[in-house]
Amino acid sequence: MLWVPVAYIVCSVVLVAGRGTKFPLGTGGAWAAATGFCAALSLILLFFALTKGDAGLVVPAGSAYPVVTLIGSALFLSEAITLPRIIGTLLVVAGVIVISR
């Protein structure tokens, strides 16, 4: 299952080396690289969690990412935490709890 992040890396290297594609430098390029790294790491950690626990518990817990998104958007993007966003996040958490039982 680790082939997905490895495939991301291989495709990136092929595009940069073989086709002359340039990696964007600066803040945008750094965020793009950080996003790709985090996406690959999240897949690796998901697969690792699936080897340690039941999919019925691991997948719903991993589906609670809107909580992290809400907090991250407030911290890094200075977005307002509004009542509809809080309600939506709480509904996701409630759904995870219901599915996990």
N, C-alpha and C. Protein backbone atom coordinates (compact mmCIF):
# COMPACT_ATOMS: atom_id res chain seq x y z
N MET A 1 0.80 -1.20 0.00
CA MET A 1 0.00 0.00 0.00
C MET A 1 0.85 1.27 0.00
N LEU A 2 2.11 1.11 0.21
CA LEU A 2 2.97 2.29 0.21
C LEU A 2 3.30 2.76 -1.20
N TRP A 3 2.76 2.11 -2.19
CA TRP A 3 3.07 2.47 -3.57
C TRP A 3 2.50 3.83 -3.95
N VAL A 4 1.41 4.27 -3.30
CA VAL A 4 0.80 5.55 -3.66
C VAL A 4 1.75 6.72 -3.39
N PRO A 5 2.28 6.89 -2.17
CA PRO A 5 3.22 7.99 -1.98
C PRO A 5 4.49 7.84 -2.81
N VAL A 6 4.93 6.60 -3.00
CA VAL A 6 6.11 6.37 -3.84
C VAL A 6 5.81 6.79 -5.28
N ALA A 7 4.60 6.50 -5.75
CA ALA A 7 4.22 6.90 -7.10
C ALA A 7 4.18 8.42 -7.23
N TYR A 8 3.72 9.12 -6.18
CA TYR A 8 3.75 10.59 -6.20
C TYR A 8 5.17 11.09 -6.41
N ILE A 9 6.09 10.53 -5.67
CA ILE A 9 7.49 10.98 -5.75
C ILE A 9 8.07 10.66 -7.12
N VAL A 10 7.83 9.46 -7.62
CA VAL A 10 8.37 9.06 -8.92
C VAL A 10 7.82 9.96 -10.02
N CYS A 11 6.52 10.22 -10.01
CA CYS A 11 5.92 11.09 -11.03
C CYS A 11 6.51 12.50 -10.96
N SER A 12 6.71 13.00 -9.76
CA SER A 12 7.29 14.34 -9.62
C SER A 12 8.71 14.39 -10.18
N VAL A 13 9.51 13.38 -9.86
CA VAL A 13 10.89 13.35 -10.34
C VAL A 13 10.91 13.23 -11.86
N VAL A 14 10.05 12.39 -12.42
CA VAL A 14 10.00 12.22 -13.88
C VAL A 14 9.61 13.54 -14.55
N LEU A 15 8.62 14.23 -14.01
CA LEU A 15 8.18 15.49 -14.60
C LEU A 15 9.28 16.55 -14.55
N VAL A 16 9.96 16.63 -13.42
CA VAL A 16 11.00 17.64 -13.28
C VAL A 16 12.22 17.29 -14.12
N ALA A 17 12.66 16.03 -14.06
CA ALA A 17 13.89 15.64 -14.75
C ALA A 17 13.67 15.39 -16.25
N GLY A 18 12.60 14.73 -16.60
CA GLY A 18 12.41 14.30 -17.97
C GLY A 18 11.80 15.33 -18.89
N ARG A 19 10.89 16.13 -18.39
CA ARG A 19 10.19 17.06 -19.25
C ARG A 19 10.62 18.50 -19.07
N GLY A 20 11.56 18.71 -18.19
CA GLY A 20 12.03 20.07 -17.98
C GLY A 20 11.07 20.93 -17.18
N THR A 21 10.10 20.30 -16.53
CA THR A 21 9.16 21.04 -15.70
C THR A 21 9.91 21.66 -14.54
N LYS A 22 9.61 22.89 -14.28
CA LYS A 22 10.30 23.58 -13.20
C LYS A 22 9.45 23.57 -11.94
N PHE A 23 10.09 23.32 -10.84
CA PHE A 23 9.41 23.37 -9.55
C PHE A 23 9.29 24.83 -9.15
N PRO A 24 8.09 25.28 -8.81
CA PRO A 24 7.93 26.69 -8.46
C PRO A 24 8.68 27.02 -7.17
N LEU A 25 9.49 28.04 -7.25
CA LEU A 25 10.25 28.45 -6.07
C LEU A 25 9.48 29.54 -5.34
N GLY A 26 9.86 29.78 -4.13
CA GLY A 26 9.21 30.81 -3.34
C GLY A 26 8.18 30.20 -2.39
N THR A 27 7.34 31.06 -1.86
CA THR A 27 6.36 30.63 -0.87
C THR A 27 5.38 29.62 -1.44
N GLY A 28 4.89 29.85 -2.65
CA GLY A 28 3.94 28.93 -3.26
C GLY A 28 4.52 27.54 -3.47
N GLY A 29 5.76 27.49 -3.92
CA GLY A 29 6.41 26.20 -4.13
C GLY A 29 6.66 25.46 -2.83
N ALA A 30 7.02 26.21 -1.79
CA ALA A 30 7.24 25.59 -0.48
C ALA A 30 5.94 25.01 0.07
N TRP A 31 4.84 25.76 -0.09
CA TRP A 31 3.55 25.24 0.38
C TRP A 31 3.13 24.03 -0.43
N ALA A 32 3.40 24.04 -1.73
CA ALA A 32 3.06 22.89 -2.56
C ALA A 32 3.84 21.65 -2.13
N ALA A 33 5.14 21.83 -1.86
CA ALA A 33 5.96 20.71 -1.40
C ALA A 33 5.50 20.21 -0.04
N ALA A 34 5.17 21.13 0.86
CA ALA A 34 4.70 20.74 2.19
C ALA A 34 3.36 20.00 2.09
N THR A 35 2.50 20.44 1.20
CA THR A 35 1.21 19.78 1.02
C THR A 35 1.40 18.37 0.47
N GLY A 36 2.25 18.22 -0.52
CA GLY A 36 2.53 16.90 -1.07
C GLY A 36 3.13 15.96 -0.04
N PHE A 37 4.06 16.47 0.75
CA PHE A 37 4.68 15.66 1.79
C PHE A 37 3.64 15.22 2.82
N CYS A 38 2.80 16.15 3.24
CA CYS A 38 1.77 15.81 4.24
C CYS A 38 0.75 14.82 3.69
N ALA A 39 0.39 14.97 2.40
CA ALA A 39 -0.56 14.03 1.79
C ALA A 39 0.03 12.62 1.75
N ALA A 40 1.28 12.51 1.35
CA ALA A 40 1.93 11.20 1.31
C ALA A 40 2.07 10.62 2.72
N LEU A 41 2.45 11.45 3.67
CA LEU A 41 2.59 10.99 5.05
C LEU A 41 1.25 10.54 5.63
N SER A 42 0.18 11.25 5.29
CA SER A 42 -1.14 10.85 5.81
C SER A 42 -1.56 9.49 5.28
N LEU A 43 -1.24 9.20 4.02
CA LEU A 43 -1.55 7.88 3.47
C LEU A 43 -0.74 6.78 4.17
N ILE A 44 0.53 7.04 4.39
CA ILE A 44 1.37 6.07 5.07
C ILE A 44 0.83 5.80 6.48
N LEU A 45 0.48 6.86 7.19
CA LEU A 45 -0.03 6.70 8.56
C LEU A 45 -1.39 6.01 8.57
N LEU A 46 -2.23 6.28 7.56
CA LEU A 46 -3.51 5.58 7.48
C LEU A 46 -3.30 4.09 7.28
N PHE A 47 -2.42 3.73 6.37
CA PHE A 47 -2.15 2.31 6.15
C PHE A 47 -1.55 1.65 7.39
N PHE A 48 -0.70 2.37 8.09
CA PHE A 48 -0.12 1.84 9.33
C PHE A 48 -1.22 1.64 10.37
N ALA A 49 -2.11 2.61 10.50
CA ALA A 49 -3.21 2.49 11.46
C ALA A 49 -4.12 1.32 11.10
N LEU A 50 -4.32 1.08 9.82
CA LEU A 50 -5.16 -0.05 9.41
C LEU A 50 -4.52 -1.39 9.75
N THR A 51 -3.20 -1.44 9.85
CA THR A 51 -2.55 -2.69 10.25
C THR A 51 -2.68 -2.92 11.76
N LYS A 52 -2.95 -1.86 12.51
CA LYS A 52 -3.02 -1.96 13.97
C LYS A 52 -4.44 -2.04 14.50
N GLY A 53 -5.42 -1.58 13.73
CA GLY A 53 -6.79 -1.55 14.23
C GLY A 53 -7.79 -1.92 13.16
N ASP A 54 -9.05 -2.06 13.58
CA ASP A 54 -10.12 -2.39 12.66
C ASP A 54 -10.44 -1.21 11.76
N ALA A 55 -10.71 -1.50 10.51
CA ALA A 55 -11.04 -0.44 9.55
C ALA A 55 -12.28 0.32 9.99
N GLY A 56 -13.20 -0.37 10.66
CA GLY A 56 -14.42 0.27 11.14
C GLY A 56 -14.17 1.34 12.18
N LEU A 57 -13.02 1.31 12.83
CA LEU A 57 -12.66 2.33 13.80
C LEU A 57 -11.65 3.33 13.24
N VAL A 58 -10.72 2.83 12.44
CA VAL A 58 -9.64 3.68 11.93
C VAL A 58 -10.17 4.69 10.91
N VAL A 59 -10.97 4.24 9.97
CA VAL A 59 -11.42 5.12 8.90
C VAL A 59 -12.33 6.24 9.42
N PRO A 60 -13.31 5.96 10.29
CA PRO A 60 -14.09 7.08 10.82
C PRO A 60 -13.26 8.08 11.62
N ALA A 61 -12.29 7.60 12.37
CA ALA A 61 -11.43 8.51 13.12
C ALA A 61 -10.62 9.39 12.16
N GLY A 62 -10.17 8.81 11.08
CA GLY A 62 -9.44 9.59 10.08
C GLY A 62 -10.33 10.56 9.32
N SER A 63 -11.62 10.30 9.35
CA SER A 63 -12.57 11.18 8.66
C SER A 63 -12.92 12.42 9.47
N ALA A 64 -12.32 12.57 10.62
CA ALA A 64 -12.59 13.73 11.46
C ALA A 64 -11.69 14.90 11.09
N TYR A 65 -11.11 14.89 9.91
CA TYR A 65 -10.19 15.96 9.50
C TYR A 65 -10.82 17.35 9.46
N PRO A 66 -12.16 17.50 9.35
CA PRO A 66 -12.69 18.86 9.39
C PRO A 66 -12.37 19.62 10.68
N VAL A 67 -12.14 18.89 11.76
CA VAL A 67 -11.74 19.55 13.01
C VAL A 67 -10.38 20.22 12.83
N VAL A 68 -9.44 19.50 12.24
CA VAL A 68 -8.11 20.04 12.00
C VAL A 68 -8.19 21.20 10.99
N THR A 69 -9.05 21.03 9.98
CA THR A 69 -9.21 22.08 8.97
C THR A 69 -9.75 23.36 9.59
N LEU A 70 -10.73 23.23 10.47
CA LEU A 70 -11.31 24.39 11.13
C LEU A 70 -10.26 25.14 11.96
N ILE A 71 -9.51 24.40 12.74
CA ILE A 71 -8.49 25.01 13.58
C ILE A 71 -7.36 25.59 12.73
N GLY A 72 -6.91 24.83 11.74
CA GLY A 72 -5.82 25.30 10.87
C GLY A 72 -6.19 26.54 10.08
N SER A 73 -7.44 26.60 9.60
CA SER A 73 -7.86 27.78 8.83
C SER A 73 -7.89 29.02 9.71
N ALA A 74 -8.24 28.84 10.97
CA ALA A 74 -8.25 29.98 11.88
C ALA A 74 -6.83 30.42 12.23
N LEU A 75 -5.94 29.46 12.45
CA LEU A 75 -4.58 29.78 12.86
C LEU A 75 -3.73 30.32 11.71
N PHE A 76 -3.79 29.65 10.57
CA PHE A 76 -2.87 29.98 9.48
C PHE A 76 -3.43 30.95 8.45
N LEU A 77 -4.75 30.95 8.28
CA LEU A 77 -5.36 31.79 7.26
C LEU A 77 -6.19 32.94 7.84
N SER A 78 -6.22 33.01 9.15
CA SER A 78 -6.98 34.06 9.86
C SER A 78 -8.46 34.07 9.47
N GLU A 79 -9.00 32.89 9.19
CA GLU A 79 -10.42 32.80 8.87
C GLU A 79 -11.23 32.77 10.15
N ALA A 80 -12.42 33.31 10.09
CA ALA A 80 -13.28 33.37 11.27
C ALA A 80 -13.89 32.00 11.53
N ILE A 81 -13.98 31.66 12.80
CA ILE A 81 -14.69 30.44 13.20
C ILE A 81 -16.13 30.86 13.47
N THR A 82 -16.99 30.58 12.50
CA THR A 82 -18.38 31.01 12.58
C THR A 82 -19.26 29.89 13.15
N LEU A 83 -20.45 30.24 13.54
CA LEU A 83 -21.37 29.26 14.09
C LEU A 83 -21.68 28.13 13.11
N PRO A 84 -21.95 28.42 11.82
CA PRO A 84 -22.18 27.31 10.88
C PRO A 84 -20.98 26.36 10.76
N ARG A 85 -19.78 26.89 10.82
CA ARG A 85 -18.59 26.03 10.74
C ARG A 85 -18.46 25.17 11.99
N ILE A 86 -18.75 25.75 13.13
CA ILE A 86 -18.70 24.98 14.38
C ILE A 86 -19.75 23.87 14.36
N ILE A 87 -20.96 24.21 13.93
CA ILE A 87 -22.03 23.21 13.87
C ILE A 87 -21.66 22.09 12.90
N GLY A 88 -21.13 22.45 11.74
CA GLY A 88 -20.72 21.44 10.76
C GLY A 88 -19.64 20.53 11.31
N THR A 89 -18.67 21.11 12.00
CA THR A 89 -17.59 20.31 12.59
C THR A 89 -18.13 19.38 13.67
N LEU A 90 -19.02 19.89 14.49
CA LEU A 90 -19.62 19.05 15.53
C LEU A 90 -20.44 17.91 14.94
N LEU A 91 -21.12 18.18 13.82
CA LEU A 91 -21.87 17.11 13.16
C LEU A 91 -20.94 16.02 12.63
N VAL A 92 -19.79 16.42 12.11
CA VAL A 92 -18.82 15.43 11.64
C VAL A 92 -18.33 14.58 12.82
N VAL A 93 -17.98 15.23 13.92
CA VAL A 93 -17.51 14.49 15.10
C VAL A 93 -18.60 13.56 15.61
N ALA A 94 -19.85 14.05 15.66
CA ALA A 94 -20.96 13.19 16.09
C ALA A 94 -21.13 11.99 15.17
N GLY A 95 -20.98 12.22 13.85
CA GLY A 95 -21.07 11.12 12.90
C GLY A 95 -19.97 10.09 13.11
N VAL A 96 -18.77 10.55 13.39
CA VAL A 96 -17.66 9.63 13.66
C VAL A 96 -17.96 8.79 14.90
N ILE A 97 -18.49 9.43 15.92
CA ILE A 97 -18.83 8.70 17.15
C ILE A 97 -19.90 7.66 16.89
N VAL A 98 -20.94 8.04 16.14
CA VAL A 98 -22.03 7.11 15.85
C VAL A 98 -21.52 5.92 15.02
N ILE A 99 -20.72 6.19 14.01
CA ILE A 99 -20.23 5.11 13.14
C ILE A 99 -19.26 4.20 13.90
N SER A 100 -18.51 4.74 14.83
CA SER A 100 -17.51 3.96 15.53
C SER A 100 -18.09 2.97 16.53
N ARG A 101 -19.32 3.14 16.88
CA ARG A 101 -19.93 2.25 17.91
C ARG A 101 -20.45 0.99 17.33
